[in-house]
Amino acid sequence: MSVKRSLIVCCVVVAAFFVGMFSNSVFMKEEATSNAQENRKVGDTGKASGQYENLIKEIGQNFKVDGYQELIKDADSIVLVPDSVAGPQYGDGGLYPRQKNLIYKNKSNGAVILLSISKTDNSVQGKQWSHSIGYNAKLYNSPEGDYKDAYDEIFPSTDVYLYSFEGAGYSISLTSLAQPMMAEEGILALNQLAQFTDKLNAFLKEKHF
């Protein structure tokens, strides 16, 4: 074998050796990263699972909003849901054992706030919004305007607005109901919902949820 050819063969072998080392290194790094991510996910989920019980206790005992009276207190209050979505919800892992509902009424302005807290397996960092929607009775049930074809006296004259967000181990849904009227900063139901949500969020931050 010529010296030139021997050098070429040697270079190919060395190159293959380093490529193999690099590939193994990348594989091991990716596997380690994947394992670390999985371990972190499992750890976060385990930590999140304990949040719900503490959250329910803190809100039930210490969360107050001026002008609002809470009705449910320690009693159970469930709203039945169709089995067609995920089967019966009474057992372990079902909706009813992992949900707490509270109802707040304000006699000074007639607003009602529904607060529902559910236990989840999520491990989100901080908080994130899930939903927001609203029904303005004067807008969506008016004999005039863009939606006049759908107007009828049979529809309720109540404004309804909903916010929902989630944190580590829990999901919160807030719904407000009020007669159509204006508050200082806009529609009463929406205004009350926003203020109530701000107070709840401040409470959650104070308690480190």
Protein backbone atom coordinates (compact mmCIF):
# COMPACT_ATOMS: atom_id res chain seq x y z
CA MET A 1 0.00 0.00 0.00
CA SER A 2 1.42 3.39 -0.93
CA VAL A 3 2.21 6.00 1.72
CA LYS A 4 -0.41 8.35 0.23
CA ARG A 5 -3.10 5.70 0.31
CA SER A 6 -2.17 4.74 3.87
CA LEU A 7 -2.54 8.35 4.97
CA ILE A 8 -6.00 8.59 3.36
CA VAL A 9 -7.17 5.39 5.09
CA CYS A 10 -5.81 6.63 8.41
CA CYS A 11 -7.60 9.97 8.05
CA VAL A 12 -10.90 8.22 7.23
CA VAL A 13 -10.60 6.00 10.31
CA VAL A 14 -9.80 8.94 12.58
CA ALA A 15 -12.67 10.96 11.13
CA ALA A 16 -15.08 8.08 11.66
CA PHE A 17 -13.87 7.76 15.25
CA PHE A 18 -14.55 11.43 16.05
CA VAL A 19 -17.93 11.38 14.23
CA GLY A 20 -18.91 8.39 16.34
CA MET A 21 -17.82 10.14 19.52
CA PHE A 22 -19.72 13.28 18.54
CA SER A 23 -22.88 11.32 17.70
CA ASN A 24 -22.75 9.45 21.01
CA SER A 25 -22.14 12.71 22.83
CA VAL A 26 -25.14 14.37 21.15
CA PHE A 27 -27.33 11.34 21.86
CA MET A 28 -26.29 11.23 25.51
CA LYS A 29 -26.85 14.98 25.84
CA GLU A 30 -30.31 14.76 24.26
CA GLU A 31 -31.20 11.78 26.45
CA ALA A 32 -30.00 13.58 29.57
CA THR A 33 -31.95 16.70 28.60
CA SER A 34 -35.07 14.62 27.95
CA ASN A 35 -34.71 12.84 31.30
CA ALA A 36 -34.16 16.15 33.10
CA GLN A 37 -37.24 17.65 31.45
CA GLU A 38 -39.29 14.57 32.36
CA ASN A 39 -38.05 14.62 35.95
CA ARG A 40 -38.81 18.33 36.22
CA LYS A 41 -42.27 17.76 34.80
CA VAL A 42 -42.98 14.96 37.27
CA GLY A 43 -41.63 17.01 40.16
CA ASP A 44 -43.62 20.08 39.18
CA THR A 45 -46.78 18.01 38.82
CA GLY A 46 -46.27 16.48 42.25
CA LYS A 47 -45.83 19.91 43.76
CA ALA A 48 -48.83 21.25 41.86
CA SER A 49 -51.11 18.50 43.18
CA GLY A 50 -50.84 19.92 46.70
CA GLN A 51 -51.76 23.44 45.65
CA TYR A 52 -55.48 22.81 45.30
CA GLU A 53 -56.20 21.80 48.90
CA ASN A 54 -54.23 24.74 50.29
CA LEU A 55 -55.89 27.12 47.85
CA ILE A 56 -59.41 26.00 48.80
CA LYS A 57 -58.61 26.40 52.48
CA GLU A 58 -57.10 29.88 52.09
CA ILE A 59 -59.92 31.23 49.90
CA GLY A 60 -62.64 29.72 52.09
CA GLN A 61 -61.20 31.11 55.32
CA ASN A 62 -59.45 34.33 54.37
CA PHE A 63 -60.59 35.73 51.02
CA LYS A 64 -63.09 38.58 51.41
CA VAL A 65 -64.30 41.27 49.01
CA ASP A 66 -66.02 44.38 50.36
CA GLY A 67 -69.72 44.44 49.56
CA TYR A 68 -69.93 40.72 48.74
CA GLN A 69 -71.41 37.95 50.85
CA GLU A 70 -70.41 34.35 50.10
CA LEU A 71 -73.23 31.81 50.37
CA ILE A 72 -71.86 28.27 49.95
CA LYS A 73 -69.12 28.27 52.62
CA ASP A 74 -68.21 24.68 53.58
CA ALA A 75 -71.21 23.07 51.89
CA ASP A 76 -70.87 21.07 48.69
CA SER A 77 -72.36 22.58 45.56
CA ILE A 78 -72.10 20.73 42.26
CA VAL A 79 -73.71 21.27 38.89
CA LEU A 80 -74.28 18.01 37.05
CA VAL A 81 -72.54 17.68 33.69
CA PRO A 82 -73.41 15.34 30.78
CA ASP A 83 -71.79 11.91 30.85
CA SER A 84 -71.31 12.16 27.09
CA VAL A 85 -68.09 14.21 27.41
CA ALA A 86 -66.00 12.11 29.82
CA GLY A 87 -68.31 9.63 31.51
CA PRO A 88 -69.69 9.85 35.07
CA GLN A 89 -67.85 12.42 37.18
CA TYR A 90 -68.46 11.20 40.73
CA GLY A 91 -65.46 8.91 41.20
CA ASP A 92 -61.76 9.55 41.74
CA GLY A 93 -60.43 11.84 39.05
CA GLY A 94 -63.92 13.06 38.16
CA LEU A 95 -64.98 16.70 38.20
CA TYR A 96 -67.06 16.71 41.40
CA PRO A 97 -64.40 15.51 43.89
CA ARG A 98 -61.83 17.97 42.52
CA GLN A 99 -63.96 21.13 42.30
CA LYS A 100 -65.10 23.75 44.79
CA ASN A 101 -67.83 26.24 43.93
CA LEU A 102 -68.56 29.53 45.72
CA ILE A 103 -71.26 32.16 45.13
CA TYR A 104 -70.88 35.84 46.06
CA LYS A 105 -73.78 38.35 46.10
CA ASN A 106 -73.55 42.13 46.35
CA LYS A 107 -76.71 43.78 47.75
CA SER A 108 -75.53 47.30 46.95
CA ASN A 109 -75.48 46.85 43.16
CA GLY A 110 -77.18 43.49 42.54
CA ALA A 111 -74.11 41.81 41.07
CA VAL A 112 -73.52 38.08 41.50
CA ILE A 113 -70.11 36.42 41.13
CA LEU A 114 -69.73 32.67 40.63
CA LEU A 115 -66.28 31.34 41.56
CA SER A 116 -65.29 27.81 40.62
CA ILE A 117 -61.92 26.26 41.50
CA SER A 118 -60.81 22.95 40.01
CA LYS A 119 -57.79 20.78 40.79
CA THR A 120 -55.60 20.08 37.76
CA ASP A 121 -52.34 18.32 36.95
CA ASN A 122 -50.86 21.32 35.15
CA SER A 123 -47.55 22.80 36.29
CA VAL A 124 -47.66 26.20 34.56
CA GLN A 125 -45.25 28.85 35.71
CA GLY A 126 -47.13 31.85 37.11
CA LYS A 127 -50.65 32.16 35.72
CA GLN A 128 -52.15 32.11 32.25
CA TRP A 129 -55.54 33.08 30.85
CA SER A 130 -57.82 30.31 29.56
CA HIS A 131 -61.08 32.00 28.51
CA SER A 132 -62.99 35.27 28.43
CA ILE A 133 -66.47 35.82 27.03
CA GLY A 134 -69.49 37.97 27.74
CA TYR A 135 -73.15 38.59 26.91
CA ASN A 136 -74.37 42.19 26.83
CA ALA A 137 -78.17 42.05 26.93
CA LYS A 138 -78.71 45.53 25.48
CA LEU A 139 -76.34 44.79 22.61
CA TYR A 140 -77.27 41.19 21.75
CA ASN A 141 -81.02 41.42 22.41
CA SER A 142 -82.08 44.77 21.00
CA PRO A 143 -84.90 45.54 18.53
CA GLU A 144 -82.42 47.83 16.83
CA GLY A 145 -78.85 47.42 15.61
CA ASP A 146 -76.85 44.59 14.10
CA TYR A 147 -78.61 41.79 16.00
CA LYS A 148 -82.23 42.96 15.73
CA ASP A 149 -83.23 39.83 13.77
CA ALA A 150 -82.52 37.76 16.90
CA TYR A 151 -84.44 40.04 19.27
CA ASP A 152 -87.25 38.61 21.37
CA GLU A 153 -88.73 39.48 24.78
CA ILE A 154 -88.26 35.87 25.85
CA PHE A 155 -84.51 36.36 26.29
CA PRO A 156 -83.28 37.42 29.76
CA SER A 157 -82.25 41.02 30.37
CA THR A 158 -79.10 40.07 32.25
CA ASP A 159 -75.47 40.79 31.43
CA VAL A 160 -73.13 37.82 31.88
CA TYR A 161 -69.32 37.83 31.69
CA LEU A 162 -66.76 35.09 32.25
CA TYR A 163 -63.03 34.98 32.96
CA SER A 164 -60.95 31.84 33.53
CA PHE A 165 -57.27 31.34 34.23
CA GLU A 166 -54.97 28.67 35.61
CA GLY A 167 -51.95 28.35 37.85
CA ALA A 168 -49.86 25.44 39.07
CA GLY A 169 -52.26 22.72 40.19
CA TYR A 170 -55.50 24.65 39.82
CA SER A 171 -57.90 26.28 37.37
CA ILE A 172 -60.24 29.15 38.27
CA SER A 173 -63.41 30.29 36.54
CA LEU A 174 -65.21 33.54 37.43
CA THR A 175 -68.65 34.47 36.11
CA SER A 176 -70.54 37.70 36.84
CA LEU A 177 -74.24 38.43 36.42
CA ALA A 178 -75.94 41.82 36.74
CA GLN A 179 -78.77 43.88 35.33
CA PRO A 180 -77.74 45.96 32.30
CA MET A 181 -76.43 49.21 33.76
CA MET A 182 -73.30 51.32 33.62
CA ALA A 183 -70.72 51.52 36.37
CA GLU A 184 -68.08 54.24 36.76
CA GLU A 185 -65.75 52.45 34.37
CA GLY A 186 -68.19 50.72 32.03
CA ILE A 187 -70.72 47.90 32.10
CA LEU A 188 -71.54 46.94 35.69
CA ALA A 189 -71.20 43.14 35.31
CA LEU A 190 -67.89 43.41 33.48
CA ASN A 191 -66.61 46.11 35.82
CA GLN A 192 -67.44 44.04 38.89
CA LEU A 193 -65.87 40.93 37.38
CA ALA A 194 -62.63 42.77 36.59
CA GLN A 195 -62.40 44.28 40.09
CA PHE A 196 -63.22 40.96 41.76
CA THR A 197 -60.60 39.18 39.64
CA ASP A 198 -57.96 41.78 40.50
CA LYS A 199 -58.65 41.34 44.22
CA LEU A 200 -58.54 37.55 43.91
CA ASN A 201 -55.27 37.67 41.99
CA ALA A 202 -53.73 39.98 44.60
CA PHE A 203 -54.81 37.51 47.29
CA LEU A 204 -53.30 34.60 45.37
CA LYS A 205 -50.00 36.46 45.00
CA GLU A 206 -49.94 37.29 48.70
CA LYS A 207 -50.47 33.62 49.54
CA HIS A 208 -47.93 32.52 46.90
CA PHE A 209 -50.31 30.68 44.61
